[in-house]
Each structure stands twice: as structure tokens, then as C-alpha cells.
Amino acid sequence: MIDIKNAVKAVHQYLESIQSLMGNPLNNLRLEEVELSDDNNF
């Protein structure tokens, strides 16, 4: 299982790596929502 902090870091690194493909700079990235699975594993 990955915690929220590491998940956000991974997404941020990924988006930075494809930023040149998107054509616009990525500013003010924010986490919109986090849900815990019913079995509390994810």
C-alpha cells in the first residue's frame, strides 16, 4: 500500500516528466480527493 504523501509525490514527478507534452506549465497542482477502500487496504 502507498500512503497519500508518496502517492502525491509520485504523481507530481510523473506530471513534471510529461509537462513538455502538455504545452502549458503546471501551476497550483492540488489534491482533490482521497478515499479509503471499504476493506481499509487501499
Protein backbone atom coordinates (compact mmCIF):
# COMPACT_ATOMS: atom_id res chain seq x y z
CA MET A 1 0.00 0.00 0.00
CA ILE A 2 1.19 3.53 -0.76
CA ASP A 3 0.47 6.38 1.61
CA ILE A 4 -1.01 9.69 0.47
CA LYS A 5 2.24 11.62 0.75
CA ASN A 6 4.11 9.18 -1.50
CA ALA A 7 1.23 8.97 -3.97
CA VAL A 8 1.16 12.75 -4.37
CA LYS A 9 4.94 12.83 -4.79
CA ALA A 10 4.78 10.13 -7.49
CA VAL A 11 2.04 11.94 -9.41
CA HIS A 12 3.91 15.23 -9.20
CA GLN A 13 7.08 13.62 -10.57
CA TYR A 14 5.12 11.98 -13.38
CA LEU A 15 3.38 15.22 -14.38
CA GLU A 16 6.70 17.06 -14.38
CA SER A 17 8.13 14.40 -16.69
CA ILE A 18 5.35 14.90 -19.27
CA GLN A 19 4.96 18.66 -18.83
CA SER A 20 6.61 19.40 -22.19
CA LEU A 21 3.95 17.29 -23.93
CA MET A 22 1.12 19.25 -22.34
CA GLY A 23 2.16 22.64 -23.75
CA ASN A 24 1.31 24.62 -20.61
CA PRO A 25 3.20 24.90 -17.34
CA LEU A 26 1.74 23.07 -14.37
CA ASN A 27 0.88 25.57 -11.66
CA ASN A 28 -1.01 25.18 -8.41
CA LEU A 29 -1.45 21.42 -8.50
CA ARG A 30 -3.77 20.27 -5.73
CA LEU A 31 -5.08 17.02 -4.40
CA GLU A 32 -8.83 16.93 -4.89
CA GLU A 33 -9.91 13.83 -3.05
CA VAL A 34 -8.66 10.78 -1.16
CA GLU A 35 -10.78 7.73 -0.44
CA LEU A 36 -10.04 4.72 1.69
CA SER A 37 -11.28 1.43 0.28
CA ASP A 38 -14.03 -0.45 2.12
CA ASP A 39 -11.53 -3.02 3.35
CA ASN A 40 -9.13 -0.26 4.52
CA ASN A 41 -6.31 -1.63 2.36
CA PHE A 42 -6.20 0.99 -0.39
